[in-house]
Amino acid sequence: GGAERDWLAAERMIDALPAGVGVERYEPPHGLRLLIGR
């Protein structure tokens, strides 16, 4: 029951990335870094 909520939260995190950050230079936002342990 939480898949849609997870997807929308993930979209917000990724949308918050600065413009022009490519995948090779991707540094997750602080909240996502904590989430994935990076």
PDB file of all heavy atoms in Angstrom:
ATOM      1  N   GLY A   1       0.771  -1.233   0.000  1.00  0.00           N
ATOM      2  CA  GLY A   1       0.000   0.000   0.000  1.00  0.00           C
ATOM      3  C   GLY A   1       0.801   1.282   0.000  1.00  0.00           C
ATOM      4  O   GLY A   1       0.223   2.357   0.066  1.00  0.00           O
ATOM      5  N   GLY A   2       2.113   1.216  -0.086  1.00  0.00           N
ATOM      6  CA  GLY A   2       2.906   2.441  -0.034  1.00  0.00           C
ATOM      7  C   GLY A   2       3.707   2.730  -1.284  1.00  0.00           C
ATOM      8  O   GLY A   2       4.478   3.688  -1.317  1.00  0.00           O
ATOM      9  N   ALA A   3       3.537   1.925  -2.337  1.00  0.00           N
ATOM     10  CA  ALA A   3       4.353   2.076  -3.544  1.00  0.00           C
ATOM     11  C   ALA A   3       4.185   3.456  -4.186  1.00  0.00           C
ATOM     12  O   ALA A   3       5.168   4.089  -4.572  1.00  0.00           O
ATOM     13  CB  ALA A   3       4.026   0.978  -4.544  1.00  0.00           C
ATOM     14  N   GLU A   4       2.961   3.916  -4.293  1.00  0.00           N
ATOM     15  CA  GLU A   4       2.739   5.222  -4.914  1.00  0.00           C
ATOM     16  C   GLU A   4       3.361   6.339  -4.073  1.00  0.00           C
ATOM     17  O   GLU A   4       3.994   7.250  -4.605  1.00  0.00           O
ATOM     18  CB  GLU A   4       1.243   5.484  -5.107  1.00  0.00           C
ATOM     19  CG  GLU A   4       0.973   6.783  -5.826  1.00  0.00           C
ATOM     20  CD  GLU A   4      -0.502   7.016  -6.100  1.00  0.00           C
ATOM     21  OE1 GLU A   4      -1.335   6.133  -5.796  1.00  0.00           O
ATOM     22  OE2 GLU A   4      -0.828   8.093  -6.620  1.00  0.00           O
ATOM     23  N   ARG A   5       3.194   6.255  -2.776  1.00  0.00           N
ATOM     24  CA  ARG A   5       3.784   7.255  -1.884  1.00  0.00           C
ATOM     25  C   ARG A   5       5.311   7.241  -1.993  1.00  0.00           C
ATOM     26  O   ARG A   5       5.955   8.290  -2.041  1.00  0.00           O
ATOM     27  CB  ARG A   5       3.331   6.998  -0.436  1.00  0.00           C
ATOM     28  CG  ARG A   5       3.784   8.053   0.534  1.00  0.00           C
ATOM     29  CD  ARG A   5       3.225   7.861   1.945  1.00  0.00           C
ATOM     30  NE  ARG A   5       3.282   6.483   2.403  1.00  0.00           N
ATOM     31  CZ  ARG A   5       2.208   5.724   2.666  1.00  0.00           C
ATOM     32  NH1 ARG A   5       0.995   6.213   2.542  1.00  0.00           N
ATOM     33  NH2 ARG A   5       2.350   4.482   3.084  1.00  0.00           N
ATOM     34  N   ASP A   6       5.909   6.037  -2.076  1.00  0.00           N
ATOM     35  CA  ASP A   6       7.361   5.926  -2.241  1.00  0.00           C
ATOM     36  C   ASP A   6       7.804   6.573  -3.544  1.00  0.00           C
ATOM     37  O   ASP A   6       8.795   7.300  -3.589  1.00  0.00           O
ATOM     38  CB  ASP A   6       7.798   4.459  -2.240  1.00  0.00           C
ATOM     39  CG  ASP A   6       7.561   3.770  -0.910  1.00  0.00           C
ATOM     40  OD1 ASP A   6       7.492   4.462   0.125  1.00  0.00           O
ATOM     41  OD2 ASP A   6       7.447   2.532  -0.914  1.00  0.00           O
ATOM     42  N   TRP A   7       7.067   6.287  -4.622  1.00  0.00           N
ATOM     43  CA  TRP A   7       7.440   6.827  -5.932  1.00  0.00           C
ATOM     44  C   TRP A   7       7.365   8.357  -5.923  1.00  0.00           C
ATOM     45  O   TRP A   7       8.276   9.039  -6.407  1.00  0.00           O
ATOM     46  CB  TRP A   7       6.532   6.259  -7.021  1.00  0.00           C
ATOM     47  CG  TRP A   7       7.012   6.650  -8.379  1.00  0.00           C
ATOM     48  CD1 TRP A   7       6.656   7.758  -9.100  1.00  0.00           C
ATOM     49  CD2 TRP A   7       7.978   5.950  -9.178  1.00  0.00           C
ATOM     50  NE1 TRP A   7       7.325   7.784 -10.287  1.00  0.00           N
ATOM     51  CE2 TRP A   7       8.138   6.684 -10.367  1.00  0.00           C
ATOM     52  CE3 TRP A   7       8.698   4.774  -8.996  1.00  0.00           C
ATOM     53  CZ2 TRP A   7       9.005   6.277 -11.370  1.00  0.00           C
ATOM     54  CZ3 TRP A   7       9.558   4.371 -10.007  1.00  0.00           C
ATOM     55  CH2 TRP A   7       9.709   5.127 -11.174  1.00  0.00           C
ATOM     56  N   LEU A   8       6.296   8.898  -5.374  1.00  0.00           N
ATOM     57  CA  LEU A   8       6.141  10.350  -5.345  1.00  0.00           C
ATOM     58  C   LEU A   8       7.217  11.018  -4.493  1.00  0.00           C
ATOM     59  O   LEU A   8       7.745  12.076  -4.858  1.00  0.00           O
ATOM     60  CB  LEU A   8       4.741  10.719  -4.854  1.00  0.00           C
ATOM     61  CG  LEU A   8       3.598  10.297  -5.791  1.00  0.00           C
ATOM     62  CD1 LEU A   8       2.252  10.560  -5.128  1.00  0.00           C
ATOM     63  CD2 LEU A   8       3.699  10.981  -7.134  1.00  0.00           C
ATOM     64  N   ALA A   9       7.558  10.402  -3.373  1.00  0.00           N
ATOM     65  CA  ALA A   9       8.628  10.941  -2.528  1.00  0.00           C
ATOM     66  C   ALA A   9       9.957  10.889  -3.270  1.00  0.00           C
ATOM     67  O   ALA A   9      10.764  11.835  -3.197  1.00  0.00           O
ATOM     68  CB  ALA A   9       8.715  10.164  -1.219  1.00  0.00           C
ATOM     69  N   ALA A  10      10.206   9.813  -3.983  1.00  0.00           N
ATOM     70  CA  ALA A  10      11.440   9.683  -4.752  1.00  0.00           C
ATOM     71  C   ALA A  10      11.493  10.739  -5.856  1.00  0.00           C
ATOM     72  O   ALA A  10      12.552  11.338  -6.093  1.00  0.00           O
ATOM     73  CB  ALA A  10      11.540   8.282  -5.349  1.00  0.00           C
ATOM     74  N   GLU A  11      10.371  10.978  -6.516  1.00  0.00           N
ATOM     75  CA  GLU A  11      10.334  12.034  -7.538  1.00  0.00           C
ATOM     76  C   GLU A  11      10.709  13.381  -6.947  1.00  0.00           C
ATOM     77  O   GLU A  11      11.465  14.145  -7.548  1.00  0.00           O
ATOM     78  CB  GLU A  11       8.939  12.131  -8.166  1.00  0.00           C
ATOM     79  CG  GLU A  11       8.644  11.077  -9.191  1.00  0.00           C
ATOM     80  CD  GLU A  11       7.280  11.272  -9.832  1.00  0.00           C
ATOM     81  OE1 GLU A  11       6.393  11.939  -9.239  1.00  0.00           O
ATOM     82  OE2 GLU A  11       7.098  10.740 -10.939  1.00  0.00           O
ATOM     83  N   ARG A  12      10.163  13.682  -5.775  1.00  0.00           N
ATOM     84  CA  ARG A  12      10.483  14.965  -5.132  1.00  0.00           C
ATOM     85  C   ARG A  12      11.974  15.058  -4.817  1.00  0.00           C
ATOM     86  O   ARG A  12      12.586  16.113  -5.001  1.00  0.00           O
ATOM     87  CB  ARG A  12       9.646  15.156  -3.874  1.00  0.00           C
ATOM     88  CG  ARG A  12       8.197  15.498  -4.160  1.00  0.00           C
ATOM     89  CD  ARG A  12       7.454  15.930  -2.904  1.00  0.00           C
ATOM     90  NE  ARG A  12       7.433  14.888  -1.886  1.00  0.00           N
ATOM     91  CZ  ARG A  12       6.533  13.915  -1.805  1.00  0.00           C
ATOM     92  NH1 ARG A  12       5.571  13.842  -2.698  1.00  0.00           N
ATOM     93  NH2 ARG A  12       6.589  13.026  -0.840  1.00  0.00           N
ATOM     94  N   MET A  13      12.559  13.957  -4.330  1.00  0.00           N
ATOM     95  CA  MET A  13      13.992  13.966  -4.022  1.00  0.00           C
ATOM     96  C   MET A  13      14.829  14.219  -5.276  1.00  0.00           C
ATOM     97  O   MET A  13      15.751  15.033  -5.258  1.00  0.00           O
ATOM     98  CB  MET A  13      14.413  12.625  -3.425  1.00  0.00           C
ATOM     99  CG  MET A  13      13.941  12.379  -2.038  1.00  0.00           C
ATOM    100  SD  MET A  13      14.496  10.732  -1.537  1.00  0.00           S
ATOM    101  CE  MET A  13      13.688  10.571   0.017  1.00  0.00           C
ATOM    102  N   ILE A  14      14.496  13.518  -6.346  1.00  0.00           N
ATOM    103  CA  ILE A  14      15.262  13.649  -7.579  1.00  0.00           C
ATOM    104  C   ILE A  14      15.025  15.018  -8.208  1.00  0.00           C
ATOM    105  O   ILE A  14      15.954  15.655  -8.711  1.00  0.00           O
ATOM    106  CB  ILE A  14      14.917  12.515  -8.571  1.00  0.00           C
ATOM    107  CG1 ILE A  14      15.203  11.146  -7.944  1.00  0.00           C
ATOM    108  CG2 ILE A  14      15.673  12.693  -9.880  1.00  0.00           C
ATOM    109  CD1 ILE A  14      16.585  10.945  -7.365  1.00  0.00           C
ATOM    110  N   ASP A  15      13.792  15.503  -8.170  1.00  0.00           N
ATOM    111  CA  ASP A  15      13.497  16.831  -8.708  1.00  0.00           C
ATOM    112  C   ASP A  15      14.238  17.932  -7.962  1.00  0.00           C
ATOM    113  O   ASP A  15      14.482  19.002  -8.510  1.00  0.00           O
ATOM    114  CB  ASP A  15      11.995  17.118  -8.669  1.00  0.00           C
ATOM    115  CG  ASP A  15      11.223  16.345  -9.724  1.00  0.00           C
ATOM    116  OD1 ASP A  15      11.858  15.808 -10.663  1.00  0.00           O
ATOM    117  OD2 ASP A  15       9.987  16.276  -9.604  1.00  0.00           O
ATOM    118  N   ALA A  16      14.613  17.679  -6.724  1.00  0.00           N
ATOM    119  CA  ALA A  16      15.324  18.669  -5.919  1.00  0.00           C
ATOM    120  C   ALA A  16      16.804  18.767  -6.285  1.00  0.00           C
ATOM    121  O   ALA A  16      17.493  19.671  -5.820  1.00  0.00           O
ATOM    122  CB  ALA A  16      15.187  18.336  -4.428  1.00  0.00           C
ATOM    123  N   LEU A  17      17.277  17.855  -7.126  1.00  0.00           N
ATOM    124  CA  LEU A  17      18.675  17.917  -7.562  1.00  0.00           C
ATOM    125  C   LEU A  17      18.913  19.187  -8.365  1.00  0.00           C
ATOM    126  O   LEU A  17      18.041  19.623  -9.113  1.00  0.00           O
ATOM    127  CB  LEU A  17      19.022  16.707  -8.438  1.00  0.00           C
ATOM    128  CG  LEU A  17      19.102  15.367  -7.743  1.00  0.00           C
ATOM    129  CD1 LEU A  17      19.269  14.257  -8.783  1.00  0.00           C
ATOM    130  CD2 LEU A  17      20.248  15.349  -6.771  1.00  0.00           C
ATOM    131  N   PRO A  18      20.097  19.769  -8.249  1.00  0.00           N
ATOM    132  CA  PRO A  18      20.406  20.950  -9.054  1.00  0.00           C
ATOM    133  C   PRO A  18      20.373  20.610 -10.546  1.00  0.00           C
ATOM    134  O   PRO A  18      20.713  19.496 -10.944  1.00  0.00           O
ATOM    135  CB  PRO A  18      21.826  21.325  -8.629  1.00  0.00           C
ATOM    136  CG  PRO A  18      22.081  20.577  -7.365  1.00  0.00           C
ATOM    137  CD  PRO A  18      21.164  19.394  -7.356  1.00  0.00           C
ATOM    138  N   ALA A  19      19.975  21.574 -11.360  1.00  0.00           N
ATOM    139  CA  ALA A  19      19.931  21.378 -12.811  1.00  0.00           C
ATOM    140  C   ALA A  19      21.321  21.069 -13.340  1.00  0.00           C
ATOM    141  O   ALA A  19      22.327  21.594 -12.844  1.00  0.00           O
ATOM    142  CB  ALA A  19      19.385  22.630 -13.485  1.00  0.00           C
ATOM    143  N   GLY A  20      21.374  20.181 -14.313  1.00  0.00           N
ATOM    144  CA  GLY A  20      22.643  19.869 -14.955  1.00  0.00           C
ATOM    145  C   GLY A  20      23.447  18.784 -14.285  1.00  0.00           C
ATOM    146  O   GLY A  20      24.543  18.465 -14.730  1.00  0.00           O
ATOM    147  N   VAL A  21      22.932  18.195 -13.215  1.00  0.00           N
ATOM    148  CA  VAL A  21      23.653  17.107 -12.559  1.00  0.00           C
ATOM    149  C   VAL A  21      23.353  15.835 -13.336  1.00  0.00           C
ATOM    150  O   VAL A  21      22.224  15.365 -13.357  1.00  0.00           O
ATOM    151  CB  VAL A  21      23.232  16.948 -11.083  1.00  0.00           C
ATOM    152  CG1 VAL A  21      23.885  15.726 -10.469  1.00  0.00           C
ATOM    153  CG2 VAL A  21      23.601  18.185 -10.304  1.00  0.00           C
ATOM    154  N   GLY A  22      24.366  15.310 -14.013  1.00  0.00           N
ATOM    155  CA  GLY A  22      24.196  14.086 -14.776  1.00  0.00           C
ATOM    156  C   GLY A  22      24.329  12.868 -13.887  1.00  0.00           C
ATOM    157  O   GLY A  22      24.779  12.953 -12.747  1.00  0.00           O
ATOM    158  N   VAL A  23      23.954  11.730 -14.410  1.00  0.00           N
ATOM    159  CA  VAL A  23      24.005  10.495 -13.643  1.00  0.00           C
ATOM    160  C   VAL A  23      25.418  10.214 -13.159  1.00  0.00           C
ATOM    161  O   VAL A  23      25.627   9.795 -12.027  1.00  0.00           O
ATOM    162  CB  VAL A  23      23.464   9.312 -14.481  1.00  0.00           C
ATOM    163  CG1 VAL A  23      23.662   7.994 -13.756  1.00  0.00           C
ATOM    164  CG2 VAL A  23      22.019   9.524 -14.813  1.00  0.00           C
ATOM    165  N   GLU A  24      26.411  10.469 -14.014  1.00  0.00           N
ATOM    166  CA  GLU A  24      27.797  10.183 -13.616  1.00  0.00           C
ATOM    167  C   GLU A  24      28.266  11.076 -12.481  1.00  0.00           C
ATOM    168  O   GLU A  24      29.183  10.735 -11.761  1.00  0.00           O
ATOM    169  CB  GLU A  24      28.740  10.292 -14.823  1.00  0.00           C
ATOM    170  CG  GLU A  24      28.900  11.688 -15.378  1.00  0.00           C
ATOM    171  CD  GLU A  24      27.760  12.121 -16.302  1.00  0.00           C
ATOM    172  OE1 GLU A  24      26.900  11.301 -16.638  1.00  0.00           O
ATOM    173  OE2 GLU A  24      27.746  13.307 -16.675  1.00  0.00           O
ATOM    174  N   ARG A  25      27.629  12.232 -12.299  1.00  0.00           N
ATOM    175  CA  ARG A  25      27.999  13.144 -11.210  1.00  0.00           C
ATOM    176  C   ARG A  25      26.938  13.173 -10.120  1.00  0.00           C
ATOM    177  O   ARG A  25      26.980  13.999  -9.230  1.00  0.00           O
ATOM    178  CB  ARG A  25      28.175  14.558 -11.770  1.00  0.00           C
ATOM    179  CG  ARG A  25      29.373  14.684 -12.677  1.00  0.00           C
ATOM    180  CD  ARG A  25      29.565  16.104 -13.188  1.00  0.00           C
ATOM    181  NE  ARG A  25      29.323  17.082 -12.150  1.00  0.00           N
ATOM    182  CZ  ARG A  25      28.675  18.228 -12.350  1.00  0.00           C
ATOM    183  NH1 ARG A  25      28.201  18.538 -13.516  1.00  0.00           N
ATOM    184  NH2 ARG A  25      28.496  19.080 -11.359  1.00  0.00           N
ATOM    185  N   TYR A  26      25.990  12.274 -10.189  1.00  0.00           N
ATOM    186  CA  TYR A  26      24.865  12.264  -9.259  1.00  0.00           C
ATOM    187  C   TYR A  26      25.329  12.069  -7.827  1.00  0.00           C
ATOM    188  O   TYR A  26      26.044  11.149  -7.499  1.00  0.00           O
ATOM    189  CB  TYR A  26      23.889  11.150  -9.640  1.00  0.00           C
ATOM    190  CG  TYR A  26      22.806  10.912  -8.617  1.00  0.00           C
ATOM    191  CD1 TYR A  26      21.868  11.890  -8.343  1.00  0.00           C
ATOM    192  CD2 TYR A  26      22.731   9.717  -7.926  1.00  0.00           C
ATOM    193  CE1 TYR A  26      20.869  11.680  -7.408  1.00  0.00           C
ATOM    194  CE2 TYR A  26      21.743   9.496  -6.995  1.00  0.00           C
ATOM    195  CZ  TYR A  26      20.816  10.479  -6.743  1.00  0.00           C
ATOM    196  OH  TYR A  26      19.846  10.259  -5.820  1.00  0.00           O
ATOM    197  N   GLU A  27      24.937  12.966  -6.994  1.00  0.00           N
ATOM    198  CA  GLU A  27      25.161  12.865  -5.557  1.00  0.00           C
ATOM    199  C   GLU A  27      23.783  12.993  -4.920  1.00  0.00           C
ATOM    200  O   GLU A  27      23.134  14.028  -5.039  1.00  0.00           O
ATOM    201  CB  GLU A  27      26.079  13.986  -5.071  1.00  0.00           C
ATOM    202  CG  GLU A  27      26.405  13.906  -3.604  1.00  0.00           C
ATOM    203  CD  GLU A  27      27.137  12.621  -3.221  1.00  0.00           C
ATOM    204  OE1 GLU A  27      27.976  12.156  -3.992  1.00  0.00           O
ATOM    205  OE2 GLU A  27      26.834  12.091  -2.142  1.00  0.00           O
ATOM    206  N   PRO A  28      23.296  11.938  -4.283  1.00  0.00           N
ATOM    207  CA  PRO A  28      21.929  11.997  -3.761  1.00  0.00           C
ATOM    208  C   PRO A  28      21.753  13.085  -2.720  1.00  0.00           C
ATOM    209  O   PRO A  28      22.693  13.429  -2.009  1.00  0.00           O
ATOM    210  CB  PRO A  28      21.733  10.621  -3.131  1.00  0.00           C
ATOM    211  CG  PRO A  28      23.025   9.936  -3.162  1.00  0.00           C
ATOM    212  CD  PRO A  28      23.981  10.719  -3.980  1.00  0.00           C
ATOM    213  N   PRO A  29      20.551  13.651  -2.648  1.00  0.00           N
ATOM    214  CA  PRO A  29      20.259  14.627  -1.603  1.00  0.00           C
ATOM    215  C   PRO A  29      20.505  14.013  -0.224  1.00  0.00           C
ATOM    216  O   PRO A  29      20.488  12.790  -0.072  1.00  0.00           O
ATOM    217  CB  PRO A  29      18.773  14.940  -1.789  1.00  0.00           C
ATOM    218  CG  PRO A  29      18.430  14.452  -3.138  1.00  0.00           C
ATOM    219  CD  PRO A  29      19.393  13.364  -3.477  1.00  0.00           C
ATOM    220  N   HIS A  30      20.747  14.850   0.746  1.00  0.00           N
ATOM    221  CA  HIS A  30      21.102  14.389   2.096  1.00  0.00           C
ATOM    222  C   HIS A  30      20.148  13.316   2.611  1.00  0.00           C
ATOM    223  O   HIS A  30      20.583  12.292   3.117  1.00  0.00           O
ATOM    224  CB  HIS A  30      21.139  15.571   3.059  1.00  0.00           C
ATOM    225  CG  HIS A  30      21.470  15.181   4.467  1.00  0.00           C
ATOM    226  ND1 HIS A  30      22.717  14.742   4.834  1.00  0.00           N
ATOM    227  CD2 HIS A  30      20.715  15.122   5.580  1.00  0.00           C
ATOM    228  CE1 HIS A  30      22.714  14.440   6.119  1.00  0.00           C
ATOM    229  NE2 HIS A  30      21.517  14.671   6.597  1.00  0.00           N
ATOM    230  N   GLY A  31      18.851  13.518   2.475  1.00  0.00           N
ATOM    231  CA  GLY A  31      17.880  12.543   2.961  1.00  0.00           C
ATOM    232  C   GLY A  31      18.024  11.197   2.286  1.00  0.00           C
ATOM    233  O   GLY A  31      17.936  10.155   2.922  1.00  0.00           O
ATOM    234  N   LEU A  32      18.292  11.211   0.995  1.00  0.00           N
ATOM    235  CA  LEU A  32      18.462   9.960   0.270  1.00  0.00           C
ATOM    236  C   LEU A  32      19.801   9.317   0.629  1.00  0.00           C
ATOM    237  O   LEU A  32      19.898   8.108   0.734  1.00  0.00           O
ATOM    238  CB  LEU A  32      18.360  10.190  -1.237  1.00  0.00           C
ATOM    239  CG  LEU A  32      18.407   8.958  -2.117  1.00  0.00           C
ATOM    240  CD1 LEU A  32      17.343   7.942  -1.698  1.00  0.00           C
ATOM    241  CD2 LEU A  32      18.221   9.322  -3.575  1.00  0.00           C
ATOM    242  N   ARG A  33      20.847  10.117   0.847  1.00  0.00           N
ATOM    243  CA  ARG A  33      22.139   9.559   1.283  1.00  0.00           C
ATOM    244  C   ARG A  33      21.965   8.804   2.584  1.00  0.00           C
ATOM    245  O   ARG A  33      22.489   7.711   2.762  1.00  0.00           O
ATOM    246  CB  ARG A  33      23.169  10.671   1.466  1.00  0.00           C
ATOM    247  CG  ARG A  33      23.839  11.100   0.205  1.00  0.00           C
ATOM    248  CD  ARG A  33      25.096  11.887   0.493  1.00  0.00           C
ATOM    249  NE  ARG A  33      24.902  12.998   1.398  1.00  0.00           N
ATOM    250  CZ  ARG A  33      24.591  14.226   1.030  1.00  0.00           C
ATOM    251  NH1 ARG A  33      24.398  14.510  -0.234  1.00  0.00           N
ATOM    252  NH2 ARG A  33      24.456  15.178   1.917  1.00  0.00           N
ATOM    253  N   LEU A  34      21.202   9.375   3.507  1.00  0.00           N
ATOM    254  CA  LEU A  34      20.955   8.700   4.774  1.00  0.00           C
ATOM    255  C   LEU A  34      20.171   7.417   4.546  1.00  0.00           C
ATOM    256  O   LEU A  34      20.433   6.400   5.166  1.00  0.00           O
ATOM    257  CB  LEU A  34      20.183   9.607   5.725  1.00  0.00           C
ATOM    258  CG  LEU A  34      20.919  10.846   6.223  1.00  0.00           C
ATOM    259  CD1 LEU A  34      19.981  11.700   7.061  1.00  0.00           C
ATOM    260  CD2 LEU A  34      22.148  10.476   7.010  1.00  0.00           C
ATOM    261  N   LEU A  35      19.223   7.483   3.629  1.00  0.00           N
ATOM    262  CA  LEU A  35      18.361   6.356   3.343  1.00  0.00           C
ATOM    263  C   LEU A  35      19.140   5.173   2.762  1.00  0.00           C
ATOM    264  O   LEU A  35      18.962   4.040   3.158  1.00  0.00           O
ATOM    265  CB  LEU A  35      17.269   6.791   2.372  1.00  0.00           C
ATOM    266  CG  LEU A  35      16.215   5.785   1.979  1.00  0.00           C
ATOM    267  CD1 LEU A  35      15.409   5.374   3.208  1.00  0.00           C
ATOM    268  CD2 LEU A  35      15.300   6.373   0.940  1.00  0.00           C
ATOM    269  N   ILE A  36      20.046   5.453   1.835  1.00  0.00           N
ATOM    270  CA  ILE A  36      20.768   4.371   1.182  1.00  0.00           C
ATOM    271  C   ILE A  36      22.121   4.094   1.828  1.00  0.00           C
ATOM    272  O   ILE A  36      22.833   3.199   1.425  1.00  0.00           O
ATOM    273  CB  ILE A  36      20.939   4.621  -0.329  1.00  0.00           C
ATOM    274  CG1 ILE A  36      21.780   5.863  -0.602  1.00  0.00           C
ATOM    275  CG2 ILE A  36      19.589   4.686  -1.014  1.00  0.00           C
ATOM    276  CD1 ILE A  36      22.056   6.106  -2.067  1.00  0.00           C
ATOM    277  N   GLY A  37      22.475   4.892   2.839  1.00  0.00           N
ATOM    278  CA  GLY A  37      23.712   4.658   3.553  1.00  0.00           C
ATOM    279  C   GLY A  37      24.963   5.057   2.799  1.00  0.00           C
ATOM    280  O   GLY A  37      26.049   4.562   3.074  1.00  0.00           O
ATOM    281  N   ARG A  38      24.831   5.948   1.854  1.00  0.00           N
ATOM    282  CA  ARG A  38      25.978   6.392   1.063  1.00  0.00           C
ATOM    283  C   ARG A  38      26.721   7.479   1.806  1.00  0.00           C
ATOM    284  O   ARG A  38      26.135   8.438   2.283  1.00  0.00           O
ATOM    285  CB  ARG A  38      25.491   6.902  -0.281  1.00  0.00           C
ATOM    286  CG  ARG A  38      26.607   7.290  -1.195  1.00  0.00           C
ATOM    287  CD  ARG A  38      26.053   7.572  -2.555  1.00  0.00           C
ATOM    288  NE  ARG A  38      27.124   8.004  -3.423  1.00  0.00           N
ATOM    289  CZ  ARG A  38      26.955   8.400  -4.656  1.00  0.00           C
ATOM    290  NH1 ARG A  38      25.755   8.396  -5.170  1.00  0.00           N
ATOM    291  NH2 ARG A  38      27.956   8.791  -5.392  1.00  0.00           N
TER     292      ARG A  38
END
